[in-house]
């Protein structure tokens, strides 16, 4: 019997090697009528993989998983279709805002914090001028048509500039963070490659050898 238990323990231990045991815990800010949430793995903007239904009880929910690698996931509200994206990199907690799903709060996920920080910098450095024009256009709706046309022309020009800035900004980030999953995420989130993503393909070579073993990298290269 002892021998059997020893062998069983060894087999279980061996099966767990290389896996990352993570927990997703959540609670709604206000009482919700929802009974389930949907959990998806987010491979790219054109590819999501359904994982499971998450039951909600007393305004709370939890999911336990054994994951081989860090990756991006999202929970989805089944009625409205609203979703909340996160990088599942450990035991994390989500405080769900059922009124404005996008304003839900996540804690204990350093990689999700890094991703949000990247996007904040992207907005300030790459898209600030475009957002400023957008605000001006919004205020002029139904107003001076000549001025509105002028602003739209300027916006188109700024969009072209922003695309060039984005490539530079993203490349600098990847060069500074070749071993970060965020770099891999940013380069594969489109889910395809063509002439418009040739820069992403070139930047993939900047990633560390470990990231090049990630299923996300392998899938993008296919």
Protein backbone atom coordinates (compact mmCIF):
# COMPACT_ATOMS: atom_id res chain seq x y z
CA UNK A 1 0.00 0.00 0.00
CA UNK A 2 2.82 2.38 0.91
CA UNK A 3 4.53 1.63 -2.37
CA UNK A 4 1.29 2.28 -4.27
CA UNK A 5 0.79 5.65 -2.55
CA UNK A 6 4.40 6.61 -3.21
CA UNK A 7 4.07 5.81 -6.92
CA UNK A 8 0.72 7.62 -7.10
CA UNK A 9 2.18 10.73 -5.45
CA UNK A 10 5.16 10.65 -7.81
CA UNK A 11 2.87 10.43 -10.86
CA UNK A 12 0.74 13.31 -9.64
CA UNK A 13 3.80 15.41 -8.87
CA UNK A 14 5.27 14.68 -12.29
CA UNK A 15 2.02 15.71 -13.98
CA UNK A 16 2.12 19.05 -12.17
CA UNK A 17 5.66 19.97 -13.18
CA UNK A 18 5.69 22.94 -15.52
CA UNK A 19 2.14 23.92 -14.67
CA UNK A 20 1.18 27.16 -13.04
CA UNK A 21 -1.68 26.77 -10.58
CA UNK A 22 -3.75 29.92 -10.64
CA UNK A 23 -7.01 31.14 -9.19
CA UNK A 24 -9.42 33.75 -10.48
CA UNK A 25 -11.60 35.17 -7.71
CA UNK A 26 -14.28 37.75 -8.29
CA UNK A 27 -17.03 39.72 -6.65
CA UNK A 28 -19.63 42.15 -7.97
CA UNK A 29 -19.66 45.71 -6.62
CA UNK A 30 -23.45 45.62 -6.48
CA UNK A 31 -26.00 42.83 -6.28
CA UNK A 32 -26.36 41.16 -9.66
CA UNK A 33 -29.07 39.00 -11.18
CA UNK A 34 -26.48 37.14 -13.26
CA UNK A 35 -26.01 33.45 -12.51
CA UNK A 36 -22.98 32.85 -14.76
CA UNK A 37 -20.09 34.54 -16.51
CA UNK A 38 -18.25 33.19 -19.54
CA UNK A 39 -14.49 32.64 -19.50
CA UNK A 40 -12.51 32.86 -22.75
CA UNK A 41 -8.87 32.62 -23.70
CA UNK A 42 -8.02 35.65 -25.84
CA UNK A 43 -5.72 34.55 -28.65
CA UNK A 44 -6.20 37.62 -30.84
CA UNK A 45 -8.88 40.03 -32.04
CA UNK A 46 -10.05 37.36 -34.49
CA UNK A 47 -9.66 34.29 -32.29
CA UNK A 48 -11.08 33.59 -28.84
CA UNK A 49 -11.34 30.16 -27.24
CA UNK A 50 -14.26 29.41 -24.93
CA UNK A 51 -13.03 27.86 -21.67
CA UNK A 52 -16.02 27.44 -19.38
CA UNK A 53 -19.10 28.87 -17.70
CA UNK A 54 -18.36 30.42 -14.30
CA UNK A 55 -21.19 30.06 -11.78
CA UNK A 56 -21.99 33.08 -9.62
CA UNK A 57 -23.18 32.52 -6.06
CA UNK A 58 -23.92 35.25 -3.52
CA UNK A 59 -22.41 37.83 -5.86
CA UNK A 60 -19.08 35.94 -5.97
CA UNK A 61 -17.30 33.53 -8.28
CA UNK A 62 -14.00 31.65 -8.50
CA UNK A 63 -12.08 29.51 -10.97
CA UNK A 64 -9.08 27.27 -10.35
CA UNK A 65 -6.82 26.33 -13.25
CA UNK A 66 -3.52 24.60 -13.93
CA UNK A 67 -1.91 26.55 -16.75
CA UNK A 68 1.27 25.69 -18.61
CA UNK A 69 1.93 29.30 -19.56
CA UNK A 70 0.83 32.84 -18.88
CA UNK A 71 -1.70 34.15 -21.41
CA UNK A 72 -4.53 36.62 -21.95
CA UNK A 73 -8.11 35.82 -20.97
CA UNK A 74 -11.38 37.65 -20.53
CA UNK A 75 -14.63 37.22 -18.69
CA UNK A 76 -17.79 38.01 -20.61
CA UNK A 77 -21.23 39.06 -19.48
CA UNK A 78 -23.55 36.62 -21.32
CA UNK A 79 -26.49 39.02 -21.74
CA UNK A 80 -24.89 42.31 -22.81
CA UNK A 81 -21.76 40.76 -24.28
CA UNK A 82 -19.51 43.16 -22.36
CA UNK A 83 -16.09 41.75 -21.54
CA UNK A 84 -13.09 42.41 -19.31
CA UNK A 85 -9.59 41.44 -20.45
CA UNK A 86 -6.72 40.40 -18.16
CA UNK A 87 -3.42 38.54 -18.19
CA UNK A 88 -3.78 35.46 -16.02
CA UNK A 89 -0.40 35.37 -14.28
CA UNK A 90 -1.26 34.10 -10.81
CA UNK A 91 -4.03 34.26 -8.25
CA UNK A 92 -5.91 37.39 -9.22
CA UNK A 93 -9.04 39.14 -8.02
CA UNK A 94 -11.64 41.09 -9.98
CA UNK A 95 -14.14 43.54 -8.52
CA UNK A 96 -16.80 43.56 -11.21
CA UNK A 97 -18.71 46.70 -12.10
CA UNK A 98 -21.97 45.27 -13.49
CA UNK A 99 -23.10 48.68 -14.74
CA UNK A 100 -19.89 49.55 -16.59
CA UNK A 101 -18.07 46.25 -17.13
CA UNK A 102 -15.01 48.01 -18.54
CA UNK A 103 -14.52 49.81 -15.22
CA UNK A 104 -14.09 46.60 -13.26
CA UNK A 105 -11.03 46.56 -10.98
CA UNK A 106 -8.30 43.93 -11.11
CA UNK A 107 -5.70 43.25 -8.43
CA UNK A 108 -2.64 40.99 -8.01
CA UNK A 109 -1.80 40.81 -11.73
CA UNK A 110 1.54 42.54 -12.43
CA UNK A 111 1.38 41.71 -16.15
CA UNK A 112 -2.09 43.22 -16.55
CA UNK A 113 -0.79 46.33 -14.78
CA UNK A 114 2.13 46.41 -17.23
CA UNK A 115 -0.23 46.10 -20.19
CA UNK A 116 -2.43 48.93 -18.92
CA UNK A 117 0.65 51.06 -18.30
CA UNK A 118 1.81 50.42 -21.86
CA UNK A 119 -1.55 51.53 -23.28
CA UNK A 120 -1.57 54.67 -21.12
CA UNK A 121 1.82 55.60 -22.55
CA UNK A 122 0.64 54.78 -26.06
CA UNK A 123 -2.32 57.14 -25.66
CA UNK A 124 -0.16 60.00 -24.39
CA UNK A 125 2.72 59.64 -26.81
CA UNK A 126 1.13 58.23 -29.98
CA UNK A 127 -2.55 59.19 -30.04
CA UNK A 128 -2.82 62.36 -27.96
CA UNK A 129 -3.01 64.68 -30.98
CA UNK A 130 -5.69 62.51 -32.62
CA UNK A 131 -7.80 62.46 -29.44
CA UNK A 132 -7.50 66.24 -29.24
CA UNK A 133 -8.84 66.60 -32.79
CA UNK A 134 -11.64 64.14 -31.98
CA UNK A 135 -12.74 66.36 -29.09
CA UNK A 136 -12.79 69.41 -31.36
CA UNK A 137 -14.82 67.54 -34.01
CA UNK A 138 -17.29 66.38 -31.38
CA UNK A 139 -17.86 69.96 -30.22
CA UNK A 140 -18.36 71.17 -33.80
CA UNK A 141 -20.95 68.57 -34.83
CA UNK A 142 -23.74 70.45 -36.61
CA UNK A 143 -21.61 73.62 -36.63
CA UNK A 144 -19.20 75.25 -39.08
CA UNK A 145 -18.92 72.74 -41.97
CA UNK A 146 -15.75 74.28 -43.40
CA UNK A 147 -14.01 74.08 -40.03
CA UNK A 148 -15.29 70.52 -39.57
CA UNK A 149 -13.93 69.50 -42.96
CA UNK A 150 -10.59 71.10 -42.13
CA UNK A 151 -10.40 69.18 -38.86
CA UNK A 152 -11.25 65.87 -40.56
CA UNK A 153 -8.45 66.40 -43.10
CA UNK A 154 -6.06 67.19 -40.28
CA UNK A 155 -7.22 64.10 -38.39
CA UNK A 156 -6.52 61.84 -41.39
CA UNK A 157 -2.99 63.26 -41.58
CA UNK A 158 -2.47 62.72 -37.84
CA UNK A 159 -3.70 59.12 -38.13
CA UNK A 160 -1.00 58.41 -40.71
CA UNK A 161 1.61 59.98 -38.43
CA UNK A 162 0.31 58.01 -35.46
CA UNK A 163 0.68 54.71 -37.30
CA UNK A 164 4.36 55.45 -37.85
CA UNK A 165 4.81 56.57 -34.24
CA UNK A 166 3.06 53.43 -33.02
CA UNK A 167 5.53 51.17 -34.84
CA UNK A 168 8.46 53.04 -33.29
CA UNK A 169 6.89 53.15 -29.82
CA UNK A 170 6.06 49.43 -29.89
CA UNK A 171 9.50 48.47 -31.20
CA UNK A 172 11.21 50.44 -28.44
CA UNK A 173 9.03 48.69 -25.86
CA UNK A 174 9.86 45.24 -27.23
CA UNK A 175 13.58 46.07 -27.33
CA UNK A 176 13.43 47.12 -23.67
CA UNK A 177 11.30 44.10 -22.67
CA UNK A 178 12.30 41.13 -24.87
CA UNK A 179 11.39 38.59 -22.18
CA UNK A 180 8.03 40.07 -21.18
CA UNK A 181 4.81 38.34 -22.22
CA UNK A 182 3.40 41.81 -22.89
CA UNK A 183 5.81 42.19 -25.81
CA UNK A 184 4.59 38.91 -27.29
CA UNK A 185 0.97 39.90 -26.67
CA UNK A 186 1.35 43.24 -28.45
CA UNK A 187 2.95 41.65 -31.51
CA UNK A 188 0.35 38.88 -31.88
CA UNK A 189 -2.92 40.51 -30.81
CA UNK A 190 -3.95 41.11 -34.46
CA UNK A 191 -3.88 37.36 -35.07
CA UNK A 192 -2.64 37.54 -38.67
CA UNK A 193 0.25 38.87 -40.72
CA UNK A 194 0.26 40.61 -44.08
CA UNK A 195 1.88 43.74 -45.52
CA UNK A 196 0.34 45.86 -42.76
CA UNK A 197 1.96 43.75 -40.03
CA UNK A 198 5.41 43.18 -41.55
CA UNK A 199 6.92 45.34 -38.80
CA UNK A 200 5.41 43.04 -36.16
CA UNK A 201 6.96 40.05 -37.91
CA UNK A 202 10.38 41.70 -37.87
CA UNK A 203 9.98 42.68 -34.21
CA UNK A 204 9.18 39.06 -33.30
CA UNK A 205 12.87 38.31 -33.79
CA UNK A 206 13.67 40.63 -30.86
CA UNK A 207 11.85 38.35 -28.41
CA UNK A 208 13.73 36.09 -26.03
CA UNK A 209 14.23 32.39 -26.78
CA UNK A 210 11.82 31.45 -23.99
CA UNK A 211 9.02 33.56 -25.47
CA UNK A 212 9.62 31.96 -28.85
CA UNK A 213 8.57 28.64 -27.26
CA UNK A 214 5.22 30.10 -26.16
CA UNK A 215 2.19 28.65 -27.97
CA UNK A 216 1.14 32.15 -28.93
CA UNK A 217 4.42 32.75 -30.78
CA UNK A 218 4.28 29.33 -32.47
CA UNK A 219 0.67 29.85 -33.58
CA UNK A 220 1.43 33.28 -35.04
CA UNK A 221 4.32 31.89 -37.09
CA UNK A 222 2.13 29.26 -38.75
